[in-house]
Amino acid sequence: MLIATGAPAVSCESVGEWWPRHRAIAAEHPATIHQAIIGGFVADRVGWAFASGYQAALRALVPDLPADRICALCVTEEDGNSPKAIKSTLKRSGAGYVLDGAKCWTTLGPDGALFLVAARDANAPGERPSLKVARVASNLPGVSVEKMPATRFVPEVPHARLRFNNVQLSDASLLPGDGYDEYVKRFRTVEDIHVQAAVLAYLMREAQRLSWPANWIERLSALLAALGKLSDMPSSEAETHVTLAGAIAIGAGLIEETETFWETSATDPAALRWRRDRELLQVAGAARELRTKRAWERLKSGTAP
C-alpha cells in the first residue's frame, strides 16, 4: 500500500494544520489501523505520526467517538495511573453524576474537545477502587484546561493539566463496563499497536525519500502488514501481548538500523527532528515489559486469555 507511492510529506507546524488532514484520512479509511498508518506516512515528523496513531487508537477503543472532535483519554494523576492512584470521583447526583478531581497529563489536551475521564465510582460498594470512564466535553462548566510546557521530544504535540470542579454529567456520559479493565488497560495495548504502526509508516516514507536500502523497506513493509493483522486480535488476550512484544522488538531492530541511514543525511531537517523525537518510542517501556511478562505467565499456567 505504501511502497513506491512517491507521496510527499505534508508540511505541518500546528495541531490546527494537522487535525483537518487527519480527519480527511479517517473519513476515507474506516479501519483505524489504516488511519494510523496513512496518517504516519504523510506526516513530516514523528509528532504528527504519533497524534494520528493516538486518535486512531481511541476510536478503535471507543468506535462511536465523534469524528469532528479531538479526543483524549485522561487517566494519570499526581500519584500515577493505577486504580489506587486515581482520586478523581464520580458521585451519583439526582439523575446523573458529579465529577470532581484533576488529571496531570492529557495528550492533545489544550486542543481536545472531548475527554474520556477515568474516575472512581464513589457509589460502588467495597474497598477496592471501582473505576468508570466518562465522556466530558471540554466546554462544560467546571472543566479547567491548563496548557503544559512543551516536552523535549515531539514538542508540537501539546499536553494539559485538567481540573474538574462539580462537573454535572448525565448517565449517558458514562461508558459501559469497568473503566480500568475495559478501557485503561485495553488502551495501552491498542495505543501501542496504532502508534507503532504510525511511526513506522513515517519511517517508510522517509526511507523512500532518502533512498534507504530496499531490503530494509521490504522488512518494514512486512512488519506493517503484521501490525495490521495484530490490530484485529483481542486486545486483552495474552497471545496478543506476546505477539505485540515480538513486533515491537522487530521494529526496534529496524529502527536501530536507521541510525546509519540518518547519518548520510545528517543536516536534513527530518534527521534533526528524528534525533530529537526518537525518545518517544521508549516511553512506557517498563510497563510493556511487565505486560509481556504477565502474558507469558498466563500462557504457561494455562489461565490465558
C-alpha atoms as a PDB file:
ATOM      1  CA  MET A   1       0.000   0.000   0.000  1.00  0.00           C
ATOM      2  CA  LEU A   2       2.832   2.423   0.841  1.00  0.00           C
ATOM      3  CA  ILE A   3       5.733   1.127  -1.233  1.00  0.00           C
ATOM      4  CA  ALA A   4       6.904   3.333  -4.092  1.00  0.00           C
ATOM      5  CA  THR A   5       3.919   5.653  -3.852  1.00  0.00           C
ATOM      6  CA  GLY A   6       6.053   8.766  -4.154  1.00  0.00           C
ATOM      7  CA  ALA A   7       3.694  10.589  -1.788  1.00  0.00           C
ATOM      8  CA  PRO A   8       5.299  13.738  -0.366  1.00  0.00           C
ATOM      9  CA  ALA A   9       5.278  14.623   3.302  1.00  0.00           C
ATOM     10  CA  VAL A  10       2.611  17.097   4.322  1.00  0.00           C
ATOM     11  CA  SER A  11       4.368  20.036   5.975  1.00  0.00           C
ATOM     12  CA  CYS A  12       2.630  20.803   9.238  1.00  0.00           C
ATOM     13  CA  GLU A  13       3.507  23.136  12.122  1.00  0.00           C
ATOM     14  CA  SER A  14       0.495  23.037  14.430  1.00  0.00           C
ATOM     15  CA  VAL A  15      -2.425  20.956  15.646  1.00  0.00           C
ATOM     16  CA  GLY A  16      -4.678  23.289  13.698  1.00  0.00           C
ATOM     17  CA  GLU A  17      -2.964  22.240  10.470  1.00  0.00           C
ATOM     18  CA  TRP A  18      -2.661  18.550  11.341  1.00  0.00           C
ATOM     19  CA  TRP A  19      -6.225  17.880  12.515  1.00  0.00           C
ATOM     20  CA  PRO A  20      -8.136  18.599   9.253  1.00  0.00           C
ATOM     21  CA  ARG A  21      -5.715  16.368   7.381  1.00  0.00           C
ATOM     22  CA  HIS A  22      -6.147  13.551   9.843  1.00  0.00           C
ATOM     23  CA  ARG A  23      -9.942  13.935   9.683  1.00  0.00           C
ATOM     24  CA  ALA A  24      -9.824  13.640   5.888  1.00  0.00           C
ATOM     25  CA  ILE A  25      -7.799  10.417   6.174  1.00  0.00           C
ATOM     26  CA  ALA A  26     -10.190   8.995   8.777  1.00  0.00           C
ATOM     27  CA  ALA A  27     -13.189   9.829   6.593  1.00  0.00           C
ATOM     28  CA  GLU A  28     -11.705   7.908   3.679  1.00  0.00           C
ATOM     29  CA  HIS A  29     -10.346   4.932   5.635  1.00  0.00           C
ATOM     30  CA  PRO A  30     -12.760   3.403   8.198  1.00  0.00           C
ATOM     31  CA  ALA A  31     -10.217   0.910   9.613  1.00  0.00           C
ATOM     32  CA  THR A  32      -8.387   2.602  12.471  1.00  0.00           C
ATOM     33  CA  ILE A  33      -5.086   0.847  11.756  1.00  0.00           C
ATOM     34  CA  HIS A  34      -5.198   2.295   8.230  1.00  0.00           C
ATOM     35  CA  GLN A  35      -5.858   5.744   9.688  1.00  0.00           C
ATOM     36  CA  ALA A  36      -2.734   5.340  11.821  1.00  0.00           C
ATOM     37  CA  ILE A  37      -0.540   4.035   9.012  1.00  0.00           C
ATOM     38  CA  ILE A  38      -1.602   6.574   6.402  1.00  0.00           C
ATOM     39  CA  GLY A  39      -1.536   9.401   8.946  1.00  0.00           C
ATOM     40  CA  GLY A  40       2.018   8.421   9.807  1.00  0.00           C
ATOM     41  CA  PHE A  41       3.046   8.072   6.179  1.00  0.00           C
ATOM     42  CA  VAL A  42       2.006  11.616   5.213  1.00  0.00           C
ATOM     43  CA  ALA A  43       3.423  13.162   8.409  1.00  0.00           C
ATOM     44  CA  ASP A  44       6.542  15.293   8.113  1.00  0.00           C
ATOM     45  CA  ARG A  45       7.623  14.449  11.668  1.00  0.00           C
ATOM     46  CA  VAL A  46       7.155  11.885  14.427  1.00  0.00           C
ATOM     47  CA  GLY A  47       4.809  14.140  16.414  1.00  0.00           C
ATOM     48  CA  TRP A  48       2.031  14.106  13.829  1.00  0.00           C
ATOM     49  CA  ALA A  49       2.504  10.385  13.189  1.00  0.00           C
ATOM     50  CA  PHE A  50       2.025   9.846  16.917  1.00  0.00           C
ATOM     51  CA  ALA A  51      -1.024  12.133  17.001  1.00  0.00           C
ATOM     52  CA  SER A  52      -2.696  10.217  14.177  1.00  0.00           C
ATOM     53  CA  GLY A  53      -1.907   6.885  15.824  1.00  0.00           C
ATOM     54  CA  TYR A  54      -3.290   8.150  19.136  1.00  0.00           C
ATOM     55  CA  GLN A  55      -6.571   9.392  17.670  1.00  0.00           C
ATOM     56  CA  ALA A  56      -6.988   6.188  15.660  1.00  0.00           C
ATOM     57  CA  ALA A  57      -6.353   4.079  18.766  1.00  0.00           C
ATOM     58  CA  LEU A  58      -9.014   5.938  20.748  1.00  0.00           C
ATOM     59  CA  ARG A  59     -11.557   5.195  18.033  1.00  0.00           C
ATOM     60  CA  ALA A  60     -10.525   1.550  17.984  1.00  0.00           C
ATOM     61  CA  LEU A  61     -11.259   1.514  21.719  1.00  0.00           C
ATOM     62  CA  VAL A  62     -14.496   3.536  21.541  1.00  0.00           C
ATOM     63  CA  PRO A  63     -15.805   3.322  17.967  1.00  0.00           C
ATOM     64  CA  ASP A  64     -18.621   5.861  18.339  1.00  0.00           C
ATOM     65  CA  LEU A  65     -16.395   8.796  19.290  1.00  0.00           C
ATOM     66  CA  PRO A  66     -17.303  11.864  17.206  1.00  0.00           C
ATOM     67  CA  ALA A  67     -15.269  12.222  14.030  1.00  0.00           C
ATOM     68  CA  ASP A  68     -15.117  16.008  14.304  1.00  0.00           C
ATOM     69  CA  ARG A  69     -13.570  16.216  17.780  1.00  0.00           C
ATOM     70  CA  ILE A  70     -10.050  15.728  19.051  1.00  0.00           C
ATOM     71  CA  CYS A  71     -10.378  13.259  21.925  1.00  0.00           C
ATOM     72  CA  ALA A  72      -8.129  12.292  24.823  1.00  0.00           C
ATOM     73  CA  LEU A  73      -8.111   9.519  27.411  1.00  0.00           C
ATOM     74  CA  CYS A  74      -7.427  11.092  30.805  1.00  0.00           C
ATOM     75  CA  VAL A  75      -6.074   8.714  33.434  1.00  0.00           C
ATOM     76  CA  THR A  76      -2.808   9.865  35.034  1.00  0.00           C
ATOM     77  CA  GLU A  77      -2.921  11.809  38.300  1.00  0.00           C
ATOM     78  CA  GLU A  78      -0.248  13.019  40.708  1.00  0.00           C
ATOM     79  CA  ASP A  79       0.227   9.531  42.212  1.00  0.00           C
ATOM     80  CA  GLY A  80       0.177   7.619  38.915  1.00  0.00           C
ATOM     81  CA  ASN A  81      -2.357   5.784  36.788  1.00  0.00           C
ATOM     82  CA  SER A  82      -3.177   2.622  38.746  1.00  0.00           C
ATOM     83  CA  PRO A  83      -6.684   2.252  40.209  1.00  0.00           C
ATOM     84  CA  LYS A  84      -5.356   3.102  43.683  1.00  0.00           C
ATOM     85  CA  ALA A  85      -3.721   6.258  42.329  1.00  0.00           C
ATOM     86  CA  ILE A  86      -6.958   7.625  40.848  1.00  0.00           C
ATOM     87  CA  LYS A  87      -8.538  10.117  43.255  1.00  0.00           C
ATOM     88  CA  SER A  88     -10.978  11.804  40.861  1.00  0.00           C
ATOM     89  CA  THR A  89     -14.535  10.788  41.739  1.00  0.00           C
ATOM     90  CA  LEU A  90     -17.907  10.297  40.105  1.00  0.00           C
ATOM     91  CA  LYS A  91     -20.737  10.647  42.599  1.00  0.00           C
ATOM     92  CA  ARG A  92     -24.389   9.971  41.970  1.00  0.00           C
ATOM     93  CA  SER A  93     -26.383  13.208  41.980  1.00  0.00           C
ATOM     94  CA  GLY A  94     -30.074  13.077  41.134  1.00  0.00           C
ATOM     95  CA  ALA A  95     -30.499  11.645  37.648  1.00  0.00           C
ATOM     96  CA  GLY A  96     -26.794  11.907  36.821  1.00  0.00           C
ATOM     97  CA  TYR A  97     -23.296  12.212  38.252  1.00  0.00           C
ATOM     98  CA  VAL A  98     -20.914  14.873  39.540  1.00  0.00           C
ATOM     99  CA  LEU A  99     -17.242  14.696  38.556  1.00  0.00           C
ATOM    100  CA  ASP A 100     -14.532  16.183  40.781  1.00  0.00           C
ATOM    101  CA  GLY A 101     -10.766  15.818  40.557  1.00  0.00           C
ATOM    102  CA  ALA A 102      -7.743  16.510  38.371  1.00  0.00           C
ATOM    103  CA  LYS A 103      -5.534  14.948  35.700  1.00  0.00           C
ATOM    104  CA  CYS A 104      -1.891  15.915  35.367  1.00  0.00           C
ATOM    105  CA  TRP A 105      -1.074  14.663  31.851  1.00  0.00           C
ATOM    106  CA  THR A 106      -3.542  14.829  28.962  1.00  0.00           C
ATOM    107  CA  THR A 107      -2.284  14.355  25.400  1.00  0.00           C
ATOM    108  CA  LEU A 108      -3.634  16.985  22.987  1.00  0.00           C
ATOM    109  CA  GLY A 109      -5.446  18.411  26.000  1.00  0.00           C
ATOM    110  CA  PRO A 110      -5.249  22.101  25.034  1.00  0.00           C
ATOM    111  CA  ASP A 111      -6.963  21.294  21.735  1.00  0.00           C
ATOM    112  CA  GLY A 112      -9.171  18.497  22.993  1.00  0.00           C
ATOM    113  CA  ALA A 113     -12.910  18.826  22.632  1.00  0.00           C
ATOM    114  CA  LEU A 114     -13.896  15.582  24.335  1.00  0.00           C
ATOM    115  CA  PHE A 115     -12.156  13.975  27.292  1.00  0.00           C
ATOM    116  CA  LEU A 116     -12.591  10.345  28.362  1.00  0.00           C
ATOM    117  CA  VAL A 117     -12.015  10.676  32.091  1.00  0.00           C
ATOM    118  CA  ALA A 118     -11.249   7.735  34.361  1.00  0.00           C
ATOM    119  CA  ALA A 119     -12.595   8.316  37.868  1.00  0.00           C
ATOM    120  CA  ARG A 120     -13.597   6.373  40.967  1.00  0.00           C
ATOM    121  CA  ASP A 121     -17.224   5.367  41.223  1.00  0.00           C
ATOM    122  CA  ALA A 122     -17.883   6.779  44.685  1.00  0.00           C
ATOM    123  CA  ASN A 123     -21.130   4.825  44.945  1.00  0.00           C
ATOM    124  CA  ALA A 124     -19.593   1.413  44.276  1.00  0.00           C
ATOM    125  CA  PRO A 125     -19.545  -0.945  47.302  1.00  0.00           C
ATOM    126  CA  GLY A 126     -16.356  -2.421  48.746  1.00  0.00           C
ATOM    127  CA  GLU A 127     -12.869  -1.119  49.421  1.00  0.00           C
ATOM    128  CA  ARG A 128     -11.373  -1.969  46.023  1.00  0.00           C
ATOM    129  CA  PRO A 129     -11.412   1.108  43.750  1.00  0.00           C
ATOM    130  CA  SER A 130     -14.012   0.766  41.023  1.00  0.00           C
ATOM    131  CA  LEU A 131     -13.329   2.959  38.010  1.00  0.00           C
ATOM    132  CA  LYS A 132     -15.682   4.306  35.393  1.00  0.00           C
ATOM    133  CA  VAL A 133     -14.863   6.308  32.279  1.00  0.00           C
ATOM    134  CA  ALA A 134     -16.998   9.329  31.464  1.00  0.00           C
ATOM    135  CA  ARG A 135     -17.256  11.449  28.332  1.00  0.00           C
ATOM    136  CA  VAL A 136     -16.619  15.049  29.358  1.00  0.00           C
ATOM    137  CA  ALA A 137     -16.848  17.920  26.882  1.00  0.00           C
ATOM    138  CA  SER A 138     -14.082  20.466  27.369  1.00  0.00           C
ATOM    139  CA  ASN A 139     -16.551  23.375  27.449  1.00  0.00           C
ATOM    140  CA  LEU A 140     -18.714  22.060  30.288  1.00  0.00           C
ATOM    141  CA  PRO A 141     -18.992  24.314  33.357  1.00  0.00           C
ATOM    142  CA  GLY A 142     -16.396  23.305  35.929  1.00  0.00           C
ATOM    143  CA  VAL A 143     -13.825  21.993  33.425  1.00  0.00           C
ATOM    144  CA  SER A 144     -10.473  23.792  33.526  1.00  0.00           C
ATOM    145  CA  VAL A 145      -7.701  23.187  30.968  1.00  0.00           C
ATOM    146  CA  GLU A 146      -4.151  24.375  31.722  1.00  0.00           C
ATOM    147  CA  LYS A 147      -1.619  24.072  28.903  1.00  0.00           C
ATOM    148  CA  MET A 148       1.681  22.479  29.925  1.00  0.00           C
ATOM    149  CA  PRO A 149       5.163  23.446  28.699  1.00  0.00           C
ATOM    150  CA  ALA A 150       6.318  21.674  25.531  1.00  0.00           C
ATOM    151  CA  THR A 151       8.078  18.354  26.031  1.00  0.00           C
ATOM    152  CA  ARG A 152      11.692  17.914  24.895  1.00  0.00           C
ATOM    153  CA  PHE A 153      10.620  15.396  22.235  1.00  0.00           C
ATOM    154  CA  VAL A 154       7.644  15.759  19.863  1.00  0.00           C
ATOM    155  CA  PRO A 155       7.135  19.284  21.277  1.00  0.00           C
ATOM    156  CA  GLU A 156       4.497  20.050  18.637  1.00  0.00           C
ATOM    157  CA  VAL A 157       2.049  17.704  20.391  1.00  0.00           C
ATOM    158  CA  PRO A 158       0.618  19.666  23.338  1.00  0.00           C
ATOM    159  CA  HIS A 159      -0.379  18.375  26.768  1.00  0.00           C
ATOM    160  CA  ALA A 160      -2.528  19.822  29.507  1.00  0.00           C
ATOM    161  CA  ARG A 161      -3.483  19.560  33.141  1.00  0.00           C
ATOM    162  CA  LEU A 162      -7.201  19.251  33.751  1.00  0.00           C
ATOM    163  CA  ARG A 163      -9.358  20.119  36.729  1.00  0.00           C
ATOM    164  CA  PHE A 164     -12.969  19.119  37.289  1.00  0.00           C
ATOM    165  CA  ASN A 165     -14.999  21.060  39.833  1.00  0.00           C
ATOM    166  CA  ASN A 166     -18.579  19.908  40.346  1.00  0.00           C
ATOM    167  CA  VAL A 167     -18.965  18.953  36.671  1.00  0.00           C
ATOM    168  CA  GLN A 168     -22.535  17.779  36.022  1.00  0.00           C
ATOM    169  CA  LEU A 169     -22.836  14.685  33.819  1.00  0.00           C
ATOM    170  CA  SER A 170     -25.757  12.599  32.614  1.00  0.00           C
ATOM    171  CA  ASP A 171     -25.992   8.828  32.939  1.00  0.00           C
ATOM    172  CA  ALA A 172     -25.416   8.618  29.189  1.00  0.00           C
ATOM    173  CA  SER A 173     -21.979  10.211  29.653  1.00  0.00           C
ATOM    174  CA  LEU A 174     -20.598   7.068  31.296  1.00  0.00           C
ATOM    175  CA  LEU A 175     -19.108   4.369  29.097  1.00  0.00           C
ATOM    176  CA  PRO A 176     -20.394   0.849  29.825  1.00  0.00           C
ATOM    177  CA  GLY A 177     -18.319  -1.666  31.731  1.00  0.00           C
ATOM    178  CA  ASP A 178     -15.416  -1.493  34.138  1.00  0.00           C
ATOM    179  CA  GLY A 179     -13.353   1.608  33.484  1.00  0.00           C
ATOM    180  CA  TYR A 180      -9.990   0.032  34.226  1.00  0.00           C
ATOM    181  CA  ASP A 181     -10.315  -3.390  32.588  1.00  0.00           C
ATOM    182  CA  GLU A 182     -12.357  -2.311  29.572  1.00  0.00           C
ATOM    183  CA  TYR A 183     -10.666   0.987  28.763  1.00  0.00           C
ATOM    184  CA  VAL A 184      -7.486   1.923  30.659  1.00  0.00           C
ATOM    185  CA  LYS A 185      -5.778  -1.490  30.371  1.00  0.00           C
ATOM    186  CA  ARG A 186      -7.028  -2.213  26.863  1.00  0.00           C
ATOM    187  CA  PHE A 187      -5.966   1.184  25.579  1.00  0.00           C
ATOM    188  CA  ARG A 188      -2.337   0.582  26.496  1.00  0.00           C
ATOM    189  CA  THR A 189      -2.262  -2.325  24.049  1.00  0.00           C
ATOM    190  CA  VAL A 190      -4.382  -0.671  21.366  1.00  0.00           C
ATOM    191  CA  GLU A 191      -2.311   2.517  21.538  1.00  0.00           C
ATOM    192  CA  ASP A 192       0.975   0.608  21.246  1.00  0.00           C
ATOM    193  CA  ILE A 193      -0.220  -1.124  18.062  1.00  0.00           C
ATOM    194  CA  HIS A 194      -1.504   2.030  16.395  1.00  0.00           C
ATOM    195  CA  VAL A 195       1.321   4.372  17.398  1.00  0.00           C
ATOM    196  CA  GLN A 196       3.988   1.817  16.479  1.00  0.00           C
ATOM    197  CA  ALA A 197       2.351   1.426  13.059  1.00  0.00           C
ATOM    198  CA  ALA A 198       2.092   5.192  12.556  1.00  0.00           C
ATOM    199  CA  VAL A 199       5.733   5.901  13.430  1.00  0.00           C
ATOM    200  CA  LEU A 200       6.988   3.024  11.288  1.00  0.00           C
ATOM    201  CA  ALA A 201       4.876   4.295   8.385  1.00  0.00           C
ATOM    202  CA  TYR A 202       6.516   7.696   8.828  1.00  0.00           C
ATOM    203  CA  LEU A 203       9.909   5.965   8.516  1.00  0.00           C
ATOM    204  CA  MET A 204       8.657   4.131   5.424  1.00  0.00           C
ATOM    205  CA  ARG A 205       8.109   7.435   3.647  1.00  0.00           C
ATOM    206  CA  GLU A 206      11.443   8.842   4.790  1.00  0.00           C
ATOM    207  CA  ALA A 207      13.116   5.639   3.577  1.00  0.00           C
ATOM    208  CA  GLN A 208      11.707   6.178   0.114  1.00  0.00           C
ATOM    209  CA  ARG A 209      12.533   9.883   0.062  1.00  0.00           C
ATOM    210  CA  LEU A 210      16.119   9.322   1.206  1.00  0.00           C
ATOM    211  CA  SER A 211      16.705   6.103  -0.809  1.00  0.00           C
ATOM    212  CA  TRP A 212      17.350   3.754   2.102  1.00  0.00           C
ATOM    213  CA  PRO A 213      18.137   0.093   1.228  1.00  0.00           C
ATOM    214  CA  ALA A 214      15.377  -1.870  -0.469  1.00  0.00           C
ATOM    215  CA  ASN A 215      15.765  -4.866   1.836  1.00  0.00           C
ATOM    216  CA  TRP A 216      15.126  -2.618   4.843  1.00  0.00           C
ATOM    217  CA  ILE A 217      11.951  -1.275   3.224  1.00  0.00           C
ATOM    218  CA  GLU A 218      10.836  -4.837   2.452  1.00  0.00           C
ATOM    219  CA  ARG A 219      11.175  -5.898   6.078  1.00  0.00           C
ATOM    220  CA  LEU A 220       9.392  -2.775   7.284  1.00  0.00           C
ATOM    221  CA  SER A 221       6.551  -3.423   4.849  1.00  0.00           C
ATOM    222  CA  ALA A 222       6.154  -6.937   6.267  1.00  0.00           C
ATOM    223  CA  LEU A 223       6.071  -5.575   9.819  1.00  0.00           C
ATOM    224  CA  LEU A 224       3.396  -3.025   8.940  1.00  0.00           C
ATOM    225  CA  ALA A 225       1.299  -5.802   7.424  1.00  0.00           C
ATOM    226  CA  ALA A 226       1.759  -7.814  10.620  1.00  0.00           C
ATOM    227  CA  LEU A 227       0.665  -4.886  12.767  1.00  0.00           C
ATOM    228  CA  GLY A 228      -2.448  -4.612  10.619  1.00  0.00           C
ATOM    229  CA  LYS A 229      -3.319  -8.213  11.459  1.00  0.00           C
ATOM    230  CA  LEU A 230      -2.361  -7.688  15.094  1.00  0.00           C
ATOM    231  CA  SER A 231      -4.864  -4.847  15.374  1.00  0.00           C
ATOM    232  CA  ASP A 232      -7.644  -7.385  14.762  1.00  0.00           C
ATOM    233  CA  MET A 233      -6.581  -9.590  17.666  1.00  0.00           C
ATOM    234  CA  PRO A 234      -8.387  -9.228  21.047  1.00  0.00           C
ATOM    235  CA  SER A 235      -6.500  -6.560  22.975  1.00  0.00           C
ATOM    236  CA  SER A 236      -6.905  -8.257  26.363  1.00  0.00           C
ATOM    237  CA  GLU A 237      -5.577 -11.719  25.454  1.00  0.00           C
ATOM    238  CA  ALA A 238      -2.132 -12.980  26.416  1.00  0.00           C
ATOM    239  CA  GLU A 239      -1.384 -14.148  22.855  1.00  0.00           C
ATOM    240  CA  THR A 240      -1.908 -10.593  21.618  1.00  0.00           C
ATOM    241  CA  HIS A 241       0.507  -9.177  24.199  1.00  0.00           C
ATOM    242  CA  VAL A 242       3.218 -11.710  23.379  1.00  0.00           C
ATOM    243  CA  THR A 243       2.809 -11.131  19.641  1.00  0.00           C
ATOM    244  CA  LEU A 244       2.891  -7.366  20.132  1.00  0.00           C
ATOM    245  CA  ALA A 245       6.088  -7.666  22.165  1.00  0.00           C
ATOM    246  CA  GLY A 246       7.661  -9.517  19.257  1.00  0.00           C
ATOM    247  CA  ALA A 247       6.501  -6.902  16.756  1.00  0.00           C
ATOM    248  CA  ILE A 248       7.880  -4.065  18.886  1.00  0.00           C
ATOM    249  CA  ALA A 249      11.208  -5.894  19.223  1.00  0.00           C
ATOM    250  CA  ILE A 250      11.424  -6.346  15.450  1.00  0.00           C
ATOM    251  CA  GLY A 251      10.549  -2.688  14.994  1.00  0.00           C
ATOM    252  CA  ALA A 252      13.245  -1.673  17.459  1.00  0.00           C
ATOM    253  CA  GLY A 253      15.787  -3.613  15.440  1.00  0.00           C
ATOM    254  CA  LEU A 254      14.730  -1.926  12.219  1.00  0.00           C
ATOM    255  CA  ILE A 255      14.855   1.482  13.892  1.00  0.00           C
ATOM    256  CA  GLU A 256      18.340   0.790  15.214  1.00  0.00           C
ATOM    257  CA  GLU A 257      19.477   0.122  11.639  1.00  0.00           C
ATOM    258  CA  THR A 258      18.229   3.560  10.582  1.00  0.00           C
ATOM    259  CA  GLU A 259      20.852   5.344  12.664  1.00  0.00           C
ATOM    260  CA  THR A 260      23.414   4.665   9.947  1.00  0.00           C
ATOM    261  CA  PHE A 261      20.953   5.764   7.264  1.00  0.00           C
ATOM    262  CA  TRP A 262      20.184   9.053   9.015  1.00  0.00           C
ATOM    263  CA  GLU A 263      23.912   9.819   9.260  1.00  0.00           C
ATOM    264  CA  THR A 264      24.111  10.096   5.492  1.00  0.00           C
ATOM    265  CA  SER A 265      21.559  12.928   5.672  1.00  0.00           C
ATOM    266  CA  ALA A 266      22.665  14.427   8.976  1.00  0.00           C
ATOM    267  CA  THR A 267      21.709  18.005   8.121  1.00  0.00           C
ATOM    268  CA  ASP A 268      18.302  17.121   6.675  1.00  0.00           C
ATOM    269  CA  PRO A 269      15.531  18.714   8.825  1.00  0.00           C
ATOM    270  CA  ALA A 270      13.881  15.299   9.215  1.00  0.00           C
ATOM    271  CA  ALA A 271      17.138  13.817  10.559  1.00  0.00           C
ATOM    272  CA  LEU A 272      17.444  16.606  13.106  1.00  0.00           C
ATOM    273  CA  ARG A 273      13.856  16.105  14.247  1.00  0.00           C
ATOM    274  CA  TRP A 274      14.314  12.319  14.409  1.00  0.00           C
ATOM    275  CA  ARG A 275      17.270  12.644  16.774  1.00  0.00           C
ATOM    276  CA  ARG A 276      15.129  14.889  18.960  1.00  0.00           C
ATOM    277  CA  ASP A 277      11.963  12.770  18.840  1.00  0.00           C
ATOM    278  CA  ARG A 278      13.099   9.124  18.850  1.00  0.00           C
ATOM    279  CA  GLU A 279      12.876   9.029  22.648  1.00  0.00           C
ATOM    280  CA  LEU A 280       9.094   8.834  22.239  1.00  0.00           C
ATOM    281  CA  LEU A 281       9.401   5.140  21.429  1.00  0.00           C
ATOM    282  CA  GLN A 282      10.972   4.441  24.835  1.00  0.00           C
ATOM    283  CA  VAL A 283       8.038   5.869  26.803  1.00  0.00           C
ATOM    284  CA  ALA A 284       6.245   3.221  28.934  1.00  0.00           C
ATOM    285  CA  GLY A 285       8.888   0.610  28.128  1.00  0.00           C
ATOM    286  CA  ALA A 286       8.817  -0.789  31.660  1.00  0.00           C
ATOM    287  CA  ALA A 287       5.041  -1.160  31.530  1.00  0.00           C
ATOM    288  CA  ARG A 288       5.322  -3.080  28.255  1.00  0.00           C
ATOM    289  CA  GLU A 289       7.888  -5.447  29.752  1.00  0.00           C
ATOM    290  CA  LEU A 290       5.615  -6.132  32.715  1.00  0.00           C
ATOM    291  CA  ARG A 291       2.630  -6.713  30.415  1.00  0.00           C
ATOM    292  CA  THR A 292       4.627  -9.221  28.388  1.00  0.00           C
ATOM    293  CA  LYS A 293       5.921 -10.997  31.498  1.00  0.00           C
ATOM    294  CA  ARG A 294       2.393 -11.416  32.831  1.00  0.00           C
ATOM    295  CA  ALA A 295       1.165 -12.615  29.441  1.00  0.00           C
ATOM    296  CA  TRP A 296       3.802 -15.360  29.392  1.00  0.00           C
ATOM    297  CA  GLU A 297       2.873 -16.327  32.959  1.00  0.00           C
ATOM    298  CA  ARG A 298      -0.767 -16.674  31.947  1.00  0.00           C
ATOM    299  CA  LEU A 299       0.104 -18.759  28.904  1.00  0.00           C
ATOM    300  CA  LYS A 300       2.405 -21.071  30.842  1.00  0.00           C
ATOM    301  CA  SER A 301      -0.105 -21.537  33.672  1.00  0.00           C
ATOM    302  CA  GLY A 302      -2.917 -22.315  31.270  1.00  0.00           C
ATOM    303  CA  THR A 303      -5.060 -19.399  32.507  1.00  0.00           C
ATOM    304  CA  ALA A 304      -4.944 -17.361  29.270  1.00  0.00           C
ATOM    305  CA  PRO A 305      -6.717 -15.424  27.946  1.00  0.00           C
END
